[in-house]
Amino acid sequence: MKKSLGVLFVVLTVAGSLSALAVGQSPTPSNSDAVAVITQMENDAVKADLAQDASFYERYLADTWTGGTSRGTWDTKESLLADMKDTKNNKTNSESISDVKVRVQGDVAVATYKSTYDSMIQGQHYARTIISTDTFLRQNGEWKQVAGHSSQAAQAAR
């Protein structure tokens, strides 16, 4: 009986300590706050594309960012910024996004959406609808996009 009381005491002490740790943790932004911030970032990216604002991507892409394009190529932060600054061969004529959904798991978030655009990219004209997935990481309280991938959307049956 004495041994089982001792075990019960240890279990209750550990459980109480874990509860105290959970209550004493510093507050973190809620998932709904993160969803709002990342949704705004996705919408701001459209504005940056239309304005040819490379500074947006300088601020919000992680230095190690990579993106798979719907053209079957890879971009890096460096190559994307170089393309944006080459306004002779790169220009977004129109762009819109829809169906933005953001899922947050701690300091990682994934945004999915559909985008329709008309652009000149590296001297070639593209007008298409794509589906995209962007991955974000919260570092020092700030969200940075660390990866992205897009594929051409399926054509609706006629």
N, C-alpha and C. Protein backbone atom coordinates (compact mmCIF):
# COMPACT_ATOMS: atom_id res chain seq x y z
N MET A 1 0.83 -1.19 0.00
CA MET A 1 0.00 0.00 0.00
C MET A 1 0.87 1.24 0.00
N LYS A 2 1.94 1.24 0.81
CA LYS A 2 2.84 2.38 0.89
C LYS A 2 3.50 2.63 -0.46
N LYS A 3 3.90 1.55 -1.15
CA LYS A 3 4.56 1.66 -2.45
C LYS A 3 3.60 2.25 -3.48
N SER A 4 2.32 1.82 -3.53
CA SER A 4 1.37 2.34 -4.51
C SER A 4 1.04 3.80 -4.22
N LEU A 5 1.04 4.23 -2.96
CA LEU A 5 0.84 5.64 -2.63
C LEU A 5 2.03 6.47 -3.12
N GLY A 6 3.21 5.90 -3.01
CA GLY A 6 4.41 6.60 -3.48
C GLY A 6 4.38 6.77 -5.00
N VAL A 7 3.96 5.75 -5.72
CA VAL A 7 3.86 5.83 -7.18
C VAL A 7 2.80 6.85 -7.57
N LEU A 8 1.66 6.83 -6.88
CA LEU A 8 0.59 7.79 -7.16
C LEU A 8 1.08 9.21 -6.93
N PHE A 9 1.85 9.42 -5.86
CA PHE A 9 2.39 10.75 -5.55
C PHE A 9 3.31 11.22 -6.67
N VAL A 10 4.17 10.34 -7.16
CA VAL A 10 5.09 10.70 -8.25
C VAL A 10 4.32 11.05 -9.51
N VAL A 11 3.31 10.25 -9.84
CA VAL A 11 2.50 10.50 -11.03
C VAL A 11 1.80 11.85 -10.91
N LEU A 12 1.20 12.12 -9.77
CA LEU A 12 0.50 13.40 -9.57
C LEU A 12 1.47 14.58 -9.60
N THR A 13 2.66 14.39 -9.05
CA THR A 13 3.66 15.46 -9.06
C THR A 13 4.10 15.78 -10.48
N VAL A 14 4.36 14.75 -11.29
CA VAL A 14 4.77 14.96 -12.68
C VAL A 14 3.64 15.61 -13.47
N ALA A 15 2.43 15.13 -13.31
CA ALA A 15 1.29 15.71 -14.02
C ALA A 15 1.10 17.17 -13.64
N GLY A 16 1.21 17.47 -12.36
CA GLY A 16 1.08 18.85 -11.91
C GLY A 16 2.18 19.74 -12.45
N SER A 17 3.38 19.23 -12.53
CA SER A 17 4.51 20.00 -13.07
C SER A 17 4.29 20.30 -14.55
N LEU A 18 3.83 19.31 -15.31
CA LEU A 18 3.57 19.53 -16.73
C LEU A 18 2.47 20.56 -16.93
N SER A 19 1.43 20.51 -16.11
CA SER A 19 0.34 21.50 -16.22
C SER A 19 0.87 22.89 -15.92
N ALA A 20 1.71 23.02 -14.91
CA ALA A 20 2.28 24.32 -14.56
C ALA A 20 3.15 24.85 -15.69
N LEU A 21 3.90 23.97 -16.34
CA LEU A 21 4.72 24.40 -17.48
C LEU A 21 3.86 24.90 -18.61
N ALA A 22 2.77 24.21 -18.90
CA ALA A 22 1.89 24.62 -19.99
C ALA A 22 1.28 25.98 -19.71
N VAL A 23 0.86 26.21 -18.48
CA VAL A 23 0.26 27.50 -18.13
C VAL A 23 1.30 28.60 -18.15
N GLY A 24 2.54 28.29 -17.77
CA GLY A 24 3.58 29.31 -17.68
C GLY A 24 4.28 29.63 -18.99
N GLN A 25 3.92 28.98 -20.08
CA GLN A 25 4.57 29.25 -21.36
C GLN A 25 4.22 30.63 -21.85
N SER A 26 5.16 31.22 -22.57
CA SER A 26 4.90 32.55 -23.12
C SER A 26 3.82 32.45 -24.19
N PRO A 27 2.99 33.47 -24.29
CA PRO A 27 1.91 33.42 -25.28
C PRO A 27 2.47 33.48 -26.70
N THR A 28 1.85 32.73 -27.59
CA THR A 28 2.23 32.77 -29.00
C THR A 28 1.02 33.27 -29.78
N PRO A 29 1.26 33.86 -30.93
CA PRO A 29 0.13 34.32 -31.74
C PRO A 29 -0.79 33.16 -32.07
N SER A 30 -2.06 33.43 -32.15
CA SER A 30 -3.03 32.38 -32.47
C SER A 30 -2.91 31.98 -33.93
N ASN A 31 -3.44 30.80 -34.22
CA ASN A 31 -3.45 30.35 -35.61
C ASN A 31 -4.24 31.30 -36.50
N SER A 32 -5.33 31.88 -35.97
CA SER A 32 -6.11 32.80 -36.80
C SER A 32 -5.31 34.06 -37.13
N ASP A 33 -4.44 34.50 -36.21
CA ASP A 33 -3.56 35.64 -36.52
C ASP A 33 -2.60 35.27 -37.65
N ALA A 34 -2.03 34.08 -37.56
CA ALA A 34 -1.09 33.63 -38.59
C ALA A 34 -1.79 33.47 -39.94
N VAL A 35 -2.99 32.94 -39.93
CA VAL A 35 -3.75 32.79 -41.18
C VAL A 35 -3.98 34.15 -41.81
N ALA A 36 -4.35 35.14 -41.00
CA ALA A 36 -4.60 36.49 -41.53
C ALA A 36 -3.32 37.10 -42.09
N VAL A 37 -2.21 36.94 -41.40
CA VAL A 37 -0.93 37.52 -41.86
C VAL A 37 -0.51 36.88 -43.18
N ILE A 38 -0.57 35.57 -43.26
CA ILE A 38 -0.11 34.88 -44.47
C ILE A 38 -1.06 35.12 -45.64
N THR A 39 -2.35 35.17 -45.38
CA THR A 39 -3.30 35.50 -46.44
C THR A 39 -2.99 36.89 -46.99
N GLN A 40 -2.69 37.83 -46.10
CA GLN A 40 -2.35 39.18 -46.55
C GLN A 40 -1.05 39.17 -47.35
N MET A 41 -0.08 38.37 -46.93
CA MET A 41 1.18 38.27 -47.68
C MET A 41 0.94 37.75 -49.09
N GLU A 42 0.06 36.75 -49.23
CA GLU A 42 -0.24 36.21 -50.55
C GLU A 42 -0.89 37.28 -51.43
N ASN A 43 -1.81 38.05 -50.86
CA ASN A 43 -2.46 39.13 -51.63
C ASN A 43 -1.47 40.25 -51.94
N ASP A 44 -0.58 40.54 -51.01
CA ASP A 44 0.44 41.57 -51.24
C ASP A 44 1.43 41.14 -52.34
N ALA A 45 1.66 39.84 -52.47
CA ALA A 45 2.55 39.35 -53.52
C ALA A 45 1.96 39.65 -54.90
N VAL A 46 0.65 39.56 -55.04
CA VAL A 46 0.00 39.91 -56.31
C VAL A 46 0.24 41.39 -56.61
N LYS A 47 0.05 42.24 -55.61
CA LYS A 47 0.29 43.68 -55.79
C LYS A 47 1.74 43.94 -56.17
N ALA A 48 2.66 43.21 -55.53
CA ALA A 48 4.09 43.38 -55.84
C ALA A 48 4.38 42.96 -57.28
N ASP A 49 3.77 41.87 -57.73
CA ASP A 49 3.98 41.42 -59.10
C ASP A 49 3.50 42.48 -60.09
N LEU A 50 2.30 43.01 -59.85
CA LEU A 50 1.74 44.01 -60.76
C LEU A 50 2.56 45.30 -60.78
N ALA A 51 3.16 45.65 -59.63
CA ALA A 51 3.95 46.88 -59.53
C ALA A 51 5.43 46.63 -59.83
N GLN A 52 5.78 45.36 -60.12
CA GLN A 52 7.18 44.98 -60.34
C GLN A 52 8.04 45.41 -59.15
N ASP A 53 7.53 45.14 -57.95
CA ASP A 53 8.16 45.53 -56.69
C ASP A 53 9.02 44.40 -56.14
N ALA A 54 10.28 44.36 -56.52
CA ALA A 54 11.19 43.32 -56.07
C ALA A 54 11.47 43.43 -54.57
N SER A 55 11.31 44.62 -53.99
CA SER A 55 11.61 44.80 -52.56
C SER A 55 10.68 43.95 -51.69
N PHE A 56 9.47 43.69 -52.15
CA PHE A 56 8.56 42.82 -51.39
C PHE A 56 9.19 41.45 -51.21
N TYR A 57 9.71 40.90 -52.30
CA TYR A 57 10.31 39.56 -52.24
C TYR A 57 11.64 39.57 -51.50
N GLU A 58 12.37 40.66 -51.56
CA GLU A 58 13.60 40.77 -50.77
C GLU A 58 13.30 40.63 -49.29
N ARG A 59 12.17 41.21 -48.84
CA ARG A 59 11.79 41.17 -47.42
C ARG A 59 11.18 39.85 -47.00
N TYR A 60 10.30 39.25 -47.82
CA TYR A 60 9.48 38.15 -47.35
C TYR A 60 9.91 36.76 -47.79
N LEU A 61 10.87 36.65 -48.69
CA LEU A 61 11.39 35.32 -49.04
C LEU A 61 12.61 35.03 -48.17
N ALA A 62 12.69 33.81 -47.67
CA ALA A 62 13.90 33.37 -46.97
C ALA A 62 15.06 33.37 -47.96
N ASP A 63 16.25 33.61 -47.46
CA ASP A 63 17.42 33.65 -48.36
C ASP A 63 17.61 32.34 -49.11
N THR A 64 17.17 31.23 -48.53
CA THR A 64 17.33 29.92 -49.15
C THR A 64 16.09 29.47 -49.91
N TRP A 65 15.13 30.40 -50.16
CA TRP A 65 13.88 30.07 -50.84
C TRP A 65 14.13 29.43 -52.21
N THR A 66 13.31 28.43 -52.53
CA THR A 66 13.26 27.87 -53.88
C THR A 66 11.80 27.75 -54.29
N GLY A 67 11.56 27.88 -55.58
CA GLY A 67 10.21 27.76 -56.09
C GLY A 67 10.19 26.97 -57.38
N GLY A 68 9.30 26.01 -57.44
CA GLY A 68 9.07 25.25 -58.67
C GLY A 68 7.99 25.95 -59.47
N THR A 69 8.25 26.22 -60.74
CA THR A 69 7.31 26.98 -61.56
C THR A 69 6.40 26.05 -62.36
N SER A 70 5.30 26.61 -62.82
CA SER A 70 4.39 25.85 -63.68
C SER A 70 4.99 25.65 -65.07
N ARG A 71 6.13 26.26 -65.32
CA ARG A 71 6.85 26.08 -66.59
C ARG A 71 7.87 24.94 -66.50
N GLY A 72 7.92 24.30 -65.33
CA GLY A 72 8.82 23.16 -65.15
C GLY A 72 10.25 23.55 -64.82
N THR A 73 10.45 24.73 -64.23
CA THR A 73 11.78 25.18 -63.87
C THR A 73 11.83 25.52 -62.38
N TRP A 74 13.04 25.67 -61.87
CA TRP A 74 13.25 26.08 -60.48
C TRP A 74 13.71 27.52 -60.45
N ASP A 75 13.24 28.25 -59.45
CA ASP A 75 13.74 29.60 -59.16
C ASP A 75 14.37 29.60 -57.78
N THR A 76 15.31 30.50 -57.60
CA THR A 76 15.86 30.80 -56.27
C THR A 76 15.47 32.24 -55.97
N LYS A 77 15.70 32.65 -54.74
CA LYS A 77 15.41 34.04 -54.41
C LYS A 77 16.23 34.95 -55.32
N GLU A 78 17.48 34.60 -55.51
CA GLU A 78 18.38 35.40 -56.35
C GLU A 78 17.88 35.49 -57.79
N SER A 79 17.47 34.37 -58.38
CA SER A 79 17.02 34.39 -59.78
C SER A 79 15.69 35.12 -59.93
N LEU A 80 14.79 34.96 -58.95
CA LEU A 80 13.51 35.66 -59.00
C LEU A 80 13.72 37.18 -58.94
N LEU A 81 14.59 37.63 -58.03
CA LEU A 81 14.86 39.07 -57.92
C LEU A 81 15.50 39.61 -59.20
N ALA A 82 16.39 38.84 -59.79
CA ALA A 82 17.03 39.28 -61.04
C ALA A 82 15.98 39.41 -62.15
N ASP A 83 15.07 38.44 -62.24
CA ASP A 83 14.01 38.52 -63.25
C ASP A 83 13.11 39.72 -63.02
N MET A 84 12.75 39.98 -61.77
CA MET A 84 11.86 41.11 -61.49
C MET A 84 12.52 42.45 -61.85
N LYS A 85 13.81 42.50 -61.71
CA LYS A 85 14.52 43.75 -62.02
C LYS A 85 14.76 43.91 -63.52
N ASP A 86 14.63 42.81 -64.28
CA ASP A 86 14.77 42.85 -65.74
C ASP A 86 13.40 43.14 -66.34
N THR A 87 12.98 44.39 -66.27
CA THR A 87 11.62 44.76 -66.70
C THR A 87 11.43 44.70 -68.21
N LYS A 88 12.52 44.62 -68.96
CA LYS A 88 12.39 44.48 -70.42
C LYS A 88 11.84 43.10 -70.78
N ASN A 89 12.23 42.07 -70.03
CA ASN A 89 11.85 40.69 -70.35
C ASN A 89 10.84 40.07 -69.39
N ASN A 90 10.46 40.81 -68.36
CA ASN A 90 9.56 40.27 -67.34
C ASN A 90 8.56 41.34 -66.91
N LYS A 91 7.26 41.04 -67.07
CA LYS A 91 6.23 41.99 -66.67
C LYS A 91 4.92 41.24 -66.47
N THR A 92 4.25 41.55 -65.35
CA THR A 92 2.94 40.97 -65.08
C THR A 92 1.88 41.95 -65.57
N ASN A 93 1.09 41.53 -66.55
CA ASN A 93 0.03 42.38 -67.10
C ASN A 93 -1.23 42.31 -66.25
N SER A 94 -1.57 41.11 -65.77
CA SER A 94 -2.72 40.93 -64.89
C SER A 94 -2.48 39.69 -64.04
N GLU A 95 -3.07 39.71 -62.84
CA GLU A 95 -2.94 38.56 -61.95
C GLU A 95 -4.01 38.65 -60.88
N SER A 96 -4.58 37.52 -60.55
CA SER A 96 -5.53 37.45 -59.44
C SER A 96 -5.39 36.09 -58.76
N ILE A 97 -5.69 36.05 -57.46
CA ILE A 97 -5.67 34.78 -56.75
C ILE A 97 -7.04 34.53 -56.13
N SER A 98 -7.33 33.26 -55.91
CA SER A 98 -8.60 32.87 -55.28
C SER A 98 -8.38 31.58 -54.50
N ASP A 99 -9.39 31.21 -53.75
CA ASP A 99 -9.37 29.95 -52.98
C ASP A 99 -8.16 29.83 -52.06
N VAL A 100 -7.76 30.94 -51.43
CA VAL A 100 -6.61 30.91 -50.52
C VAL A 100 -7.01 30.16 -49.26
N LYS A 101 -6.21 29.16 -48.93
CA LYS A 101 -6.41 28.39 -47.69
C LYS A 101 -5.06 28.30 -47.00
N VAL A 102 -5.03 28.58 -45.71
CA VAL A 102 -3.79 28.55 -44.93
C VAL A 102 -3.97 27.60 -43.77
N ARG A 103 -3.01 26.68 -43.63
CA ARG A 103 -2.98 25.75 -42.50
C ARG A 103 -1.73 26.02 -41.69
N VAL A 104 -1.88 26.12 -40.37
CA VAL A 104 -0.77 26.46 -39.49
C VAL A 104 -0.51 25.30 -38.53
N GLN A 105 0.73 24.92 -38.40
CA GLN A 105 1.17 23.91 -37.45
C GLN A 105 2.37 24.48 -36.70
N GLY A 106 2.13 25.12 -35.58
CA GLY A 106 3.23 25.72 -34.82
C GLY A 106 3.86 26.86 -35.60
N ASP A 107 5.16 26.73 -35.88
CA ASP A 107 5.90 27.76 -36.59
C ASP A 107 5.99 27.50 -38.09
N VAL A 108 5.17 26.58 -38.59
CA VAL A 108 5.14 26.28 -40.02
C VAL A 108 3.72 26.50 -40.54
N ALA A 109 3.62 27.09 -41.71
CA ALA A 109 2.31 27.29 -42.33
C ALA A 109 2.40 26.95 -43.81
N VAL A 110 1.30 26.43 -44.34
CA VAL A 110 1.21 26.10 -45.75
C VAL A 110 -0.01 26.81 -46.33
N ALA A 111 0.22 27.56 -47.40
CA ALA A 111 -0.87 28.25 -48.10
C ALA A 111 -1.07 27.61 -49.46
N THR A 112 -2.31 27.37 -49.82
CA THR A 112 -2.65 26.87 -51.16
C THR A 112 -3.63 27.85 -51.78
N TYR A 113 -3.55 27.99 -53.09
CA TYR A 113 -4.44 28.93 -53.79
C TYR A 113 -4.39 28.68 -55.28
N LYS A 114 -5.32 29.33 -55.98
CA LYS A 114 -5.37 29.30 -57.44
C LYS A 114 -5.01 30.70 -57.93
N SER A 115 -4.24 30.78 -58.98
CA SER A 115 -3.83 32.07 -59.54
C SER A 115 -4.05 32.06 -61.05
N THR A 116 -4.55 33.17 -61.55
CA THR A 116 -4.68 33.36 -62.98
C THR A 116 -3.86 34.58 -63.35
N TYR A 117 -2.99 34.42 -64.34
CA TYR A 117 -2.13 35.55 -64.70
C TYR A 117 -1.89 35.62 -66.20
N ASP A 118 -1.46 36.81 -66.60
CA ASP A 118 -1.01 37.09 -67.96
C ASP A 118 0.30 37.84 -67.79
N SER A 119 1.40 37.20 -68.18
CA SER A 119 2.72 37.79 -67.92
C SER A 119 3.70 37.48 -69.04
N MET A 120 4.73 38.30 -69.10
CA MET A 120 5.91 37.97 -69.90
C MET A 120 6.97 37.55 -68.88
N ILE A 121 7.49 36.34 -69.08
CA ILE A 121 8.49 35.79 -68.17
C ILE A 121 9.68 35.37 -69.01
N GLN A 122 10.82 35.98 -68.73
CA GLN A 122 12.05 35.72 -69.48
C GLN A 122 11.82 35.83 -70.99
N GLY A 123 11.05 36.86 -71.37
CA GLY A 123 10.80 37.14 -72.78
C GLY A 123 9.72 36.31 -73.44
N GLN A 124 9.10 35.39 -72.71
CA GLN A 124 8.04 34.54 -73.25
C GLN A 124 6.69 34.93 -72.63
N HIS A 125 5.63 34.95 -73.45
CA HIS A 125 4.31 35.28 -72.97
C HIS A 125 3.62 34.04 -72.40
N TYR A 126 3.03 34.18 -71.20
CA TYR A 126 2.28 33.11 -70.55
C TYR A 126 0.97 33.69 -70.05
N ALA A 127 -0.12 33.02 -70.33
CA ALA A 127 -1.42 33.36 -69.78
C ALA A 127 -2.06 32.05 -69.35
N ARG A 128 -2.20 31.85 -68.07
CA ARG A 128 -2.68 30.57 -67.58
C ARG A 128 -3.22 30.67 -66.18
N THR A 129 -3.86 29.60 -65.78
CA THR A 129 -4.31 29.44 -64.40
C THR A 129 -3.48 28.33 -63.79
N ILE A 130 -2.99 28.57 -62.58
CA ILE A 130 -2.14 27.61 -61.89
C ILE A 130 -2.67 27.37 -60.48
N ILE A 131 -2.25 26.26 -59.91
CA ILE A 131 -2.48 26.00 -58.49
C ILE A 131 -1.12 26.05 -57.81
N SER A 132 -1.09 26.61 -56.61
CA SER A 132 0.19 26.82 -55.94
C SER A 132 0.12 26.43 -54.48
N THR A 133 1.28 26.04 -53.97
CA THR A 133 1.48 25.75 -52.55
C THR A 133 2.72 26.52 -52.11
N ASP A 134 2.56 27.32 -51.05
CA ASP A 134 3.68 28.06 -50.48
C ASP A 134 3.87 27.62 -49.03
N THR A 135 5.12 27.42 -48.63
CA THR A 135 5.44 27.00 -47.28
C THR A 135 6.15 28.15 -46.56
N PHE A 136 5.70 28.43 -45.34
CA PHE A 136 6.23 29.54 -44.54
C PHE A 136 6.78 29.01 -43.23
N LEU A 137 7.78 29.72 -42.70
CA LEU A 137 8.37 29.41 -41.41
C LEU A 137 8.42 30.69 -40.59
N ARG A 138 7.95 30.60 -39.33
CA ARG A 138 8.01 31.76 -38.45
C ARG A 138 9.37 31.77 -37.77
N GLN A 139 10.13 32.83 -38.02
CA GLN A 139 11.47 32.98 -37.43
C GLN A 139 11.52 34.32 -36.71
N ASN A 140 11.85 34.29 -35.44
CA ASN A 140 11.93 35.51 -34.63
C ASN A 140 10.63 36.32 -34.73
N GLY A 141 9.50 35.63 -34.75
CA GLY A 141 8.20 36.29 -34.77
C GLY A 141 7.75 36.77 -36.14
N GLU A 142 8.54 36.52 -37.18
CA GLU A 142 8.20 36.99 -38.53
C GLU A 142 8.07 35.80 -39.48
N TRP A 143 7.04 35.82 -40.33
CA TRP A 143 6.84 34.75 -41.30
C TRP A 143 7.69 35.00 -42.54
N LYS A 144 8.41 33.98 -42.98
CA LYS A 144 9.20 34.01 -44.21
C LYS A 144 8.76 32.84 -45.08
N GLN A 145 8.63 33.09 -46.37
CA GLN A 145 8.32 32.00 -47.29
C GLN A 145 9.61 31.27 -47.57
N VAL A 146 9.62 29.95 -47.38
CA VAL A 146 10.83 29.16 -47.57
C VAL A 146 10.78 28.31 -48.84
N ALA A 147 9.57 28.06 -49.36
CA ALA A 147 9.45 27.26 -50.58
C ALA A 147 8.09 27.51 -51.22
N GLY A 148 8.05 27.28 -52.52
CA GLY A 148 6.79 27.40 -53.26
C GLY A 148 6.81 26.45 -54.44
N HIS A 149 5.62 26.06 -54.86
CA HIS A 149 5.53 25.20 -56.04
C HIS A 149 4.21 25.46 -56.74
N SER A 150 4.25 25.53 -58.05
CA SER A 150 3.04 25.76 -58.85
C SER A 150 2.96 24.76 -59.99
N SER A 151 1.74 24.42 -60.32
CA SER A 151 1.47 23.54 -61.47
C SER A 151 0.32 24.15 -62.25
N GLN A 152 0.33 23.93 -63.55
CA GLN A 152 -0.77 24.43 -64.36
C GLN A 152 -2.04 23.71 -63.94
N ALA A 153 -3.11 24.47 -63.73
CA ALA A 153 -4.39 23.90 -63.29
C ALA A 153 -5.01 23.07 -64.40
N ALA A 154 -5.74 22.05 -64.01
CA ALA A 154 -6.48 21.22 -64.97
C ALA A 154 -7.50 22.09 -65.68
N GLN A 155 -7.70 21.81 -66.95
CA GLN A 155 -8.68 22.54 -67.73
C GLN A 155 -10.07 21.97 -67.42
N ALA A 156 -11.02 22.86 -67.25
CA ALA A 156 -12.41 22.42 -66.99
C ALA A 156 -12.95 21.72 -68.23
N ALA A 157 -13.75 20.68 -68.00
CA ALA A 157 -14.38 19.95 -69.10
C ALA A 157 -15.37 20.87 -69.81
N ARG A 158 -15.41 20.78 -71.11
CA ARG A 158 -16.31 21.66 -71.87
C ARG A 158 -17.52 20.93 -72.31
